Amino acid sequence: MQDKDMVNDVLSQINASLGNYAKAISECSNPQLRQALQQIRDSDEQFQFQLAQKATQKGFYQPAQQANDQMVQQYKNQLNQPS
């Protein structure tokens, strides 16, 4: 397995885990467990960000194109409209 494949697999797994942490945190009623899960999630988010930066530098990963101000405003407007 090549480095690029391994990095992409790790990024994919971390992203899936982050979604699972979000769900567990939102459903957790125990304050200590909730805080522990939030700390683990924060640590994983930081690791994911650092790994994605290194992968981008090595050409293993290409992030989505950055949105311009007009696109950001358009999405904000759509999200703020009552349903």
PDB file of N, CA and C in Angstrom:
ATOM      1  N   MET A   1       0.855  -1.179   0.000  1.00  0.00           N
ATOM      2  CA  MET A   1       0.000   0.000   0.000  1.00  0.00           C
ATOM      3  C   MET A   1       0.895   1.234   0.000  1.00  0.00           C
ATOM      4  N   GLN A   2       0.544   2.204  -0.792  1.00  0.00           N
ATOM      5  CA  GLN A   2       1.349   3.409  -0.914  1.00  0.00           C
ATOM      6  C   GLN A   2       0.989   4.420   0.175  1.00  0.00           C
ATOM      7  N   ASP A   3       1.913   5.350   0.427  1.00  0.00           N
ATOM      8  CA  ASP A   3       1.700   6.373   1.451  1.00  0.00           C
ATOM      9  C   ASP A   3       0.405   7.148   1.205  1.00  0.00           C
ATOM     10  N   LYS A   4       0.161   7.499  -0.029  1.00  0.00           N
ATOM     11  CA  LYS A   4      -1.040   8.269  -0.365  1.00  0.00           C
ATOM     12  C   LYS A   4      -2.295   7.512   0.046  1.00  0.00           C
ATOM     13  N   ASP A   5      -2.343   6.219  -0.237  1.00  0.00           N
ATOM     14  CA  ASP A   5      -3.504   5.402   0.106  1.00  0.00           C
ATOM     15  C   ASP A   5      -3.685   5.322   1.622  1.00  0.00           C
ATOM     16  N   MET A   6      -2.584   5.160   2.339  1.00  0.00           N
ATOM     17  CA  MET A   6      -2.664   5.073   3.798  1.00  0.00           C
ATOM     18  C   MET A   6      -3.165   6.380   4.407  1.00  0.00           C
ATOM     19  N   VAL A   7      -2.646   7.487   3.915  1.00  0.00           N
ATOM     20  CA  VAL A   7      -3.065   8.790   4.428  1.00  0.00           C
ATOM     21  C   VAL A   7      -4.546   9.024   4.141  1.00  0.00           C
ATOM     22  N   ASN A   8      -4.970   8.722   2.936  1.00  0.00           N
ATOM     23  CA  ASN A   8      -6.382   8.904   2.596  1.00  0.00           C
ATOM     24  C   ASN A   8      -7.286   7.988   3.420  1.00  0.00           C
ATOM     25  N   ASP A   9      -6.832   6.768   3.703  1.00  0.00           N
ATOM     26  CA  ASP A   9      -7.613   5.864   4.554  1.00  0.00           C
ATOM     27  C   ASP A   9      -7.742   6.424   5.971  1.00  0.00           C
ATOM     28  N   VAL A  10      -6.642   6.926   6.505  1.00  0.00           N
ATOM     29  CA  VAL A  10      -6.674   7.499   7.858  1.00  0.00           C
ATOM     30  C   VAL A  10      -7.597   8.710   7.889  1.00  0.00           C
ATOM     31  N   LEU A  11      -7.490   9.582   6.909  1.00  0.00           N
ATOM     32  CA  LEU A  11      -8.367  10.757   6.862  1.00  0.00           C
ATOM     33  C   LEU A  11      -9.834  10.344   6.776  1.00  0.00           C
ATOM     34  N   SER A  12     -10.111   9.346   5.989  1.00  0.00           N
ATOM     35  CA  SER A  12     -11.483   8.863   5.853  1.00  0.00           C
ATOM     36  C   SER A  12     -12.003   8.302   7.178  1.00  0.00           C
ATOM     37  N   GLN A  13     -11.185   7.527   7.863  1.00  0.00           N
ATOM     38  CA  GLN A  13     -11.582   6.945   9.142  1.00  0.00           C
ATOM     39  C   GLN A  13     -11.776   8.008  10.206  1.00  0.00           C
ATOM     40  N   ILE A  14     -10.908   8.999  10.241  1.00  0.00           N
ATOM     41  CA  ILE A  14     -11.042  10.086  11.216  1.00  0.00           C
ATOM     42  C   ILE A  14     -12.325  10.862  10.954  1.00  0.00           C
ATOM     43  N   ASN A  15     -12.607  11.140   9.704  1.00  0.00           N
ATOM     44  CA  ASN A  15     -13.836  11.875   9.375  1.00  0.00           C
ATOM     45  C   ASN A  15     -15.074  11.103   9.821  1.00  0.00           C
ATOM     46  N   ALA A  16     -15.072   9.798   9.634  1.00  0.00           N
ATOM     47  CA  ALA A  16     -16.196   8.974  10.083  1.00  0.00           C
ATOM     48  C   ALA A  16     -16.298   9.001  11.604  1.00  0.00           C
ATOM     49  N   SER A  17     -15.160   8.917  12.272  1.00  0.00           N
ATOM     50  CA  SER A  17     -15.151   8.954  13.740  1.00  0.00           C
ATOM     51  C   SER A  17     -15.672  10.282  14.265  1.00  0.00           C
ATOM     52  N   LEU A  18     -15.311  11.358  13.615  1.00  0.00           N
ATOM     53  CA  LEU A  18     -15.776  12.679  14.057  1.00  0.00           C
ATOM     54  C   LEU A  18     -17.297  12.762  13.998  1.00  0.00           C
ATOM     55  N   GLY A  19     -17.876  12.185  12.979  1.00  0.00           N
ATOM     56  CA  GLY A  19     -19.337  12.150  12.886  1.00  0.00           C
ATOM     57  C   GLY A  19     -19.952  11.330  14.015  1.00  0.00           C
ATOM     58  N   ASN A  20     -19.296  10.227  14.348  1.00  0.00           N
ATOM     59  CA  ASN A  20     -19.792   9.394  15.448  1.00  0.00           C
ATOM     60  C   ASN A  20     -19.664  10.108  16.785  1.00  0.00           C
ATOM     61  N   TYR A  21     -18.568  10.834  16.982  1.00  0.00           N
ATOM     62  CA  TYR A  21     -18.417  11.610  18.221  1.00  0.00           C
ATOM     63  C   TYR A  21     -19.518  12.656  18.329  1.00  0.00           C
ATOM     64  N   ALA A  22     -19.811  13.332  17.247  1.00  0.00           N
ATOM     65  CA  ALA A  22     -20.851  14.370  17.269  1.00  0.00           C
ATOM     66  C   ALA A  22     -22.188  13.776  17.699  1.00  0.00           C
ATOM     67  N   LYS A  23     -22.503  12.612  17.165  1.00  0.00           N
ATOM     68  CA  LYS A  23     -23.767  11.967  17.523  1.00  0.00           C
ATOM     69  C   LYS A  23     -23.756  11.556  18.994  1.00  0.00           C
ATOM     70  N   ALA A  24     -22.679  10.942  19.445  1.00  0.00           N
ATOM     71  CA  ALA A  24     -22.591  10.501  20.837  1.00  0.00           C
ATOM     72  C   ALA A  24     -22.658  11.691  21.793  1.00  0.00           C
ATOM     73  N   ILE A  25     -21.978  12.773  21.458  1.00  0.00           N
ATOM     74  CA  ILE A  25     -21.981  13.964  22.316  1.00  0.00           C
ATOM     75  C   ILE A  25     -23.383  14.542  22.411  1.00  0.00           C
ATOM     76  N   SER A  26     -24.072  14.609  21.286  1.00  0.00           N
ATOM     77  CA  SER A  26     -25.406  15.212  21.293  1.00  0.00           C
ATOM     78  C   SER A  26     -26.412  14.375  22.076  1.00  0.00           C
ATOM     79  N   GLU A  27     -26.146  13.081  22.217  1.00  0.00           N
ATOM     80  CA  GLU A  27     -27.072  12.201  22.920  1.00  0.00           C
ATOM     81  C   GLU A  27     -26.644  11.888  24.352  1.00  0.00           C
ATOM     82  N   CYS A  28     -25.496  12.407  24.763  1.00  0.00           N
ATOM     83  CA  CYS A  28     -24.932  12.074  26.074  1.00  0.00           C
ATOM     84  C   CYS A  28     -25.539  12.950  27.176  1.00  0.00           C
ATOM     85  N   SER A  29     -26.000  12.307  28.238  1.00  0.00           N
ATOM     86  CA  SER A  29     -26.576  13.062  29.353  1.00  0.00           C
ATOM     87  C   SER A  29     -25.626  13.153  30.542  1.00  0.00           C
ATOM     88  N   ASN A  30     -24.560  12.370  30.544  1.00  0.00           N
ATOM     89  CA  ASN A  30     -23.580  12.402  31.621  1.00  0.00           C
ATOM     90  C   ASN A  30     -22.550  13.490  31.333  1.00  0.00           C
ATOM     91  N   PRO A  31     -22.477  14.535  32.177  1.00  0.00           N
ATOM     92  CA  PRO A  31     -21.571  15.663  31.888  1.00  0.00           C
ATOM     93  C   PRO A  31     -20.099  15.264  31.775  1.00  0.00           C
ATOM     94  N   GLN A  32     -19.641  14.333  32.609  1.00  0.00           N
ATOM     95  CA  GLN A  32     -18.232  13.935  32.558  1.00  0.00           C
ATOM     96  C   GLN A  32     -17.926  13.159  31.276  1.00  0.00           C
ATOM     97  N   LEU A  33     -18.818  12.262  30.917  1.00  0.00           N
ATOM     98  CA  LEU A  33     -18.623  11.506  29.676  1.00  0.00           C
ATOM     99  C   LEU A  33     -18.699  12.436  28.472  1.00  0.00           C
ATOM    100  N   ARG A  34     -19.652  13.358  28.505  1.00  0.00           N
ATOM    101  CA  ARG A  34     -19.792  14.324  27.411  1.00  0.00           C
ATOM    102  C   ARG A  34     -18.507  15.128  27.240  1.00  0.00           C
ATOM    103  N   GLN A  35     -17.940  15.590  28.343  1.00  0.00           N
ATOM    104  CA  GLN A  35     -16.705  16.373  28.288  1.00  0.00           C
ATOM    105  C   GLN A  35     -15.547  15.522  27.761  1.00  0.00           C
ATOM    106  N   ALA A  36     -15.465  14.278  28.208  1.00  0.00           N
ATOM    107  CA  ALA A  36     -14.400  13.385  27.730  1.00  0.00           C
ATOM    108  C   ALA A  36     -14.515  13.170  26.220  1.00  0.00           C
ATOM    109  N   LEU A  37     -15.729  12.923  25.752  1.00  0.00           N
ATOM    110  CA  LEU A  37     -15.945  12.736  24.315  1.00  0.00           C
ATOM    111  C   LEU A  37     -15.586  14.000  23.530  1.00  0.00           C
ATOM    112  N   GLN A  38     -15.922  15.157  24.072  1.00  0.00           N
ATOM    113  CA  GLN A  38     -15.592  16.415  23.405  1.00  0.00           C
ATOM    114  C   GLN A  38     -14.076  16.603  23.318  1.00  0.00           C
ATOM    115  N   GLN A  39     -13.366  16.229  24.377  1.00  0.00           N
ATOM    116  CA  GLN A  39     -11.905  16.359  24.359  1.00  0.00           C
ATOM    117  C   GLN A  39     -11.281  15.418  23.336  1.00  0.00           C
ATOM    118  N   ILE A  40     -11.791  14.196  23.277  1.00  0.00           N
ATOM    119  CA  ILE A  40     -11.290  13.235  22.282  1.00  0.00           C
ATOM    120  C   ILE A  40     -11.579  13.743  20.874  1.00  0.00           C
ATOM    121  N   ARG A  41     -12.806  14.235  20.670  1.00  0.00           N
ATOM    122  CA  ARG A  41     -13.175  14.774  19.354  1.00  0.00           C
ATOM    123  C   ARG A  41     -12.270  15.936  18.966  1.00  0.00           C
ATOM    124  N   ASP A  42     -12.030  16.863  19.914  1.00  0.00           N
ATOM    125  CA  ASP A  42     -11.173  18.016  19.629  1.00  0.00           C
ATOM    126  C   ASP A  42      -9.765  17.576  19.239  1.00  0.00           C
ATOM    127  N   SER A  43      -9.249  16.585  19.951  1.00  0.00           N
ATOM    128  CA  SER A  43      -7.915  16.064  19.653  1.00  0.00           C
ATOM    129  C   SER A  43      -7.884  15.431  18.259  1.00  0.00           C
ATOM    130  N   ASP A  44      -8.905  14.651  17.943  1.00  0.00           N
ATOM    131  CA  ASP A  44      -8.976  14.026  16.616  1.00  0.00           C
ATOM    132  C   ASP A  44      -9.135  15.070  15.508  1.00  0.00           C
ATOM    133  N   GLU A  45      -9.900  16.125  15.777  1.00  0.00           N
ATOM    134  CA  GLU A  45     -10.052  17.189  14.775  1.00  0.00           C
ATOM    135  C   GLU A  45      -8.705  17.858  14.506  1.00  0.00           C
ATOM    136  N   GLN A  46      -7.943  18.089  15.568  1.00  0.00           N
ATOM    137  CA  GLN A  46      -6.625  18.714  15.405  1.00  0.00           C
ATOM    138  C   GLN A  46      -5.702  17.793  14.608  1.00  0.00           C
ATOM    139  N   PHE A  47      -5.712  16.493  14.924  1.00  0.00           N
ATOM    140  CA  PHE A  47      -4.898  15.528  14.188  1.00  0.00           C
ATOM    141  C   PHE A  47      -5.309  15.480  12.717  1.00  0.00           C
ATOM    142  N   GLN A  48      -6.615  15.453  12.468  1.00  0.00           N
ATOM    143  CA  GLN A  48      -7.123  15.413  11.095  1.00  0.00           C
ATOM    144  C   GLN A  48      -6.652  16.632  10.321  1.00  0.00           C
ATOM    145  N   PHE A  49      -6.733  17.804  10.941  1.00  0.00           N
ATOM    146  CA  PHE A  49      -6.323  19.043  10.282  1.00  0.00           C
ATOM    147  C   PHE A  49      -4.836  19.002   9.943  1.00  0.00           C
ATOM    148  N   GLN A  50      -4.016  18.566  10.889  1.00  0.00           N
ATOM    149  CA  GLN A  50      -2.567  18.500  10.658  1.00  0.00           C
ATOM    150  C   GLN A  50      -2.222  17.478   9.569  1.00  0.00           C
ATOM    151  N   LEU A  51      -2.877  16.320   9.616  1.00  0.00           N
ATOM    152  CA  LEU A  51      -2.615  15.303   8.602  1.00  0.00           C
ATOM    153  C   LEU A  51      -3.061  15.781   7.222  1.00  0.00           C
ATOM    154  N   ALA A  52      -4.204  16.450   7.158  1.00  0.00           N
ATOM    155  CA  ALA A  52      -4.685  16.974   5.874  1.00  0.00           C
ATOM    156  C   ALA A  52      -3.722  18.021   5.316  1.00  0.00           C
ATOM    157  N   GLN A  53      -3.155  18.851   6.186  1.00  0.00           N
ATOM    158  CA  GLN A  53      -2.171  19.839   5.733  1.00  0.00           C
ATOM    159  C   GLN A  53      -0.943  19.155   5.144  1.00  0.00           C
ATOM    160  N   LYS A  54      -0.432  18.127   5.845  1.00  0.00           N
ATOM    161  CA  LYS A  54       0.744  17.403   5.345  1.00  0.00           C
ATOM    162  C   LYS A  54       0.419  16.675   4.034  1.00  0.00           C
ATOM    163  N   ALA A  55      -0.766  16.084   3.968  1.00  0.00           N
ATOM    164  CA  ALA A  55      -1.171  15.387   2.751  1.00  0.00           C
ATOM    165  C   ALA A  55      -1.287  16.360   1.584  1.00  0.00           C
ATOM    166  N   THR A  56      -1.801  17.547   1.852  1.00  0.00           N
ATOM    167  CA  THR A  56      -1.910  18.565   0.807  1.00  0.00           C
ATOM    168  C   THR A  56      -0.526  18.978   0.319  1.00  0.00           C
ATOM    169  N   GLN A  57       0.402  19.173   1.260  1.00  0.00           N
ATOM    170  CA  GLN A  57       1.767  19.563   0.897  1.00  0.00           C
ATOM    171  C   GLN A  57       2.447  18.515   0.023  1.00  0.00           C
ATOM    172  N   LYS A  58       2.175  17.241   0.298  1.00  0.00           N
ATOM    173  CA  LYS A  58       2.793  16.164  -0.470  1.00  0.00           C
ATOM    174  C   LYS A  58       2.028  15.831  -1.747  1.00  0.00           C
ATOM    175  N   GLY A  59       0.880  16.496  -1.953  1.00  0.00           N
ATOM    176  CA  GLY A  59       0.084  16.243  -3.146  1.00  0.00           C
ATOM    177  C   GLY A  59      -0.799  15.012  -3.034  1.00  0.00           C
ATOM    178  N   PHE A  60      -0.957  14.473  -1.814  1.00  0.00           N
ATOM    179  CA  PHE A  60      -1.789  13.288  -1.600  1.00  0.00           C
ATOM    180  C   PHE A  60      -3.266  13.639  -1.528  1.00  0.00           C
ATOM    181  N   TYR A  61      -3.557  14.866  -1.230  1.00  0.00           N
ATOM    182  CA  TYR A  61      -4.923  15.274  -0.911  1.00  0.00           C
ATOM    183  C   TYR A  61      -5.154  16.651  -1.489  1.00  0.00           C
ATOM    184  N   GLN A  62      -6.278  16.844  -2.111  1.00  0.00           N
ATOM    185  CA  GLN A  62      -6.605  18.156  -2.650  1.00  0.00           C
ATOM    186  C   GLN A  62      -7.912  18.624  -2.021  1.00  0.00           C
ATOM    187  N   PRO A  63      -7.845  19.652  -1.182  1.00  0.00           N
ATOM    188  CA  PRO A  63      -9.075  20.140  -0.550  1.00  0.00           C
ATOM    189  C   PRO A  63      -9.989  20.800  -1.572  1.00  0.00           C
ATOM    190  N   ALA A  64     -11.227  20.948  -1.168  1.00  0.00           N
ATOM    191  CA  ALA A  64     -12.200  21.620  -2.032  1.00  0.00           C
ATOM    192  C   ALA A  64     -11.755  23.055  -2.284  1.00  0.00           C
ATOM    193  N   GLN A  65     -12.156  23.569  -3.420  1.00  0.00           N
ATOM    194  CA  GLN A  65     -11.832  24.949  -3.770  1.00  0.00           C
ATOM    195  C   GLN A  65     -12.481  25.888  -2.756  1.00  0.00           C
ATOM    196  N   GLN A  66     -11.751  26.930  -2.357  1.00  0.00           N
ATOM    197  CA  GLN A  66     -12.285  27.882  -1.396  1.00  0.00           C
ATOM    198  C   GLN A  66     -13.425  28.684  -2.011  1.00  0.00           C
ATOM    199  N   ALA A  67     -14.451  28.902  -1.224  1.00  0.00           N
ATOM    200  CA  ALA A  67     -15.605  29.676  -1.679  1.00  0.00           C
ATOM    201  C   ALA A  67     -15.275  31.163  -1.628  1.00  0.00           C
ATOM    202  N   ASN A  68     -15.779  31.898  -2.605  1.00  0.00           N
ATOM    203  CA  ASN A  68     -15.590  33.349  -2.576  1.00  0.00           C
ATOM    204  C   ASN A  68     -16.663  33.970  -1.676  1.00  0.00           C
ATOM    205  N   ASP A  69     -16.548  35.264  -1.392  1.00  0.00           N
ATOM    206  CA  ASP A  69     -17.469  35.943  -0.482  1.00  0.00           C
ATOM    207  C   ASP A  69     -18.918  35.868  -0.953  1.00  0.00           C
ATOM    208  N   GLN A  70     -19.128  35.948  -2.245  1.00  0.00           N
ATOM    209  CA  GLN A  70     -20.485  35.896  -2.785  1.00  0.00           C
ATOM    210  C   GLN A  70     -21.116  34.522  -2.520  1.00  0.00           C
ATOM    211  N   MET A  71     -20.360  33.463  -2.713  1.00  0.00           N
ATOM    212  CA  MET A  71     -20.874  32.119  -2.458  1.00  0.00           C
ATOM    213  C   MET A  71     -21.189  31.920  -0.977  1.00  0.00           C
ATOM    214  N   VAL A  72     -20.324  32.411  -0.122  1.00  0.00           N
ATOM    215  CA  VAL A  72     -20.542  32.297   1.324  1.00  0.00           C
ATOM    216  C   VAL A  72     -21.833  33.006   1.707  1.00  0.00           C
ATOM    217  N   GLN A  73     -22.016  34.208   1.208  1.00  0.00           N
ATOM    218  CA  GLN A  73     -23.225  34.966   1.522  1.00  0.00           C
ATOM    219  C   GLN A  73     -24.470  34.266   0.991  1.00  0.00           C
ATOM    220  N   GLN A  74     -24.379  33.697  -0.191  1.00  0.00           N
ATOM    221  CA  GLN A  74     -25.509  32.977  -0.779  1.00  0.00           C
ATOM    222  C   GLN A  74     -25.913  31.796   0.116  1.00  0.00           C
ATOM    223  N   TYR A  75     -24.947  31.027   0.581  1.00  0.00           N
ATOM    224  CA  TYR A  75     -25.253  29.892   1.449  1.00  0.00           C
ATOM    225  C   TYR A  75     -25.793  30.346   2.798  1.00  0.00           C
ATOM    226  N   LYS A  76     -25.253  31.427   3.332  1.00  0.00           N
ATOM    227  CA  LYS A  76     -25.776  31.961   4.590  1.00  0.00           C
ATOM    228  C   LYS A  76     -27.240  32.344   4.438  1.00  0.00           C
ATOM    229  N   ASN A  77     -27.552  32.994   3.339  1.00  0.00           N
ATOM    230  CA  ASN A  77     -28.934  33.401   3.090  1.00  0.00           C
ATOM    231  C   ASN A  77     -29.850  32.180   2.998  1.00  0.00           C
ATOM    232  N   GLN A  78     -29.390  31.148   2.302  1.00  0.00           N
ATOM    233  CA  GLN A  78     -30.204  29.941   2.157  1.00  0.00           C
ATOM    234  C   GLN A  78     -30.430  29.263   3.507  1.00  0.00           C
ATOM    235  N   LEU A  79     -29.400  29.225   4.340  1.00  0.00           N
ATOM    236  CA  LEU A  79     -29.522  28.575   5.635  1.00  0.00           C
ATOM    237  C   LEU A  79     -30.402  29.379   6.612  1.00  0.00           C
ATOM    238  N   ASN A  80     -30.468  30.659   6.435  1.00  0.00           N
ATOM    239  CA  ASN A  80     -31.236  31.505   7.333  1.00  0.00           C
ATOM    240  C   ASN A  80     -32.692  31.655   6.916  1.00  0.00           C
ATOM    241  N   GLN A  81     -33.056  31.135   5.744  1.00  0.00           N
ATOM    242  CA  GLN A  81     -34.452  31.227   5.290  1.00  0.00           C
ATOM    243  C   GLN A  81     -35.291  30.233   6.092  1.00  0.00           C
ATOM    244  N   PRO A  82     -36.484  30.674   6.519  1.00  0.00           N
ATOM    245  CA  PRO A  82     -37.366  29.743   7.215  1.00  0.00           C
ATOM    246  C   PRO A  82     -37.824  28.633   6.262  1.00  0.00           C
ATOM    247  N   SER A  83     -38.006  27.455   6.800  1.00  0.00           N
ATOM    248  CA  SER A  83     -38.385  26.333   5.932  1.00  0.00           C
ATOM    249  C   SER A  83     -39.880  26.160   5.832  1.00  0.00           C
TER     250      SER A  83
END
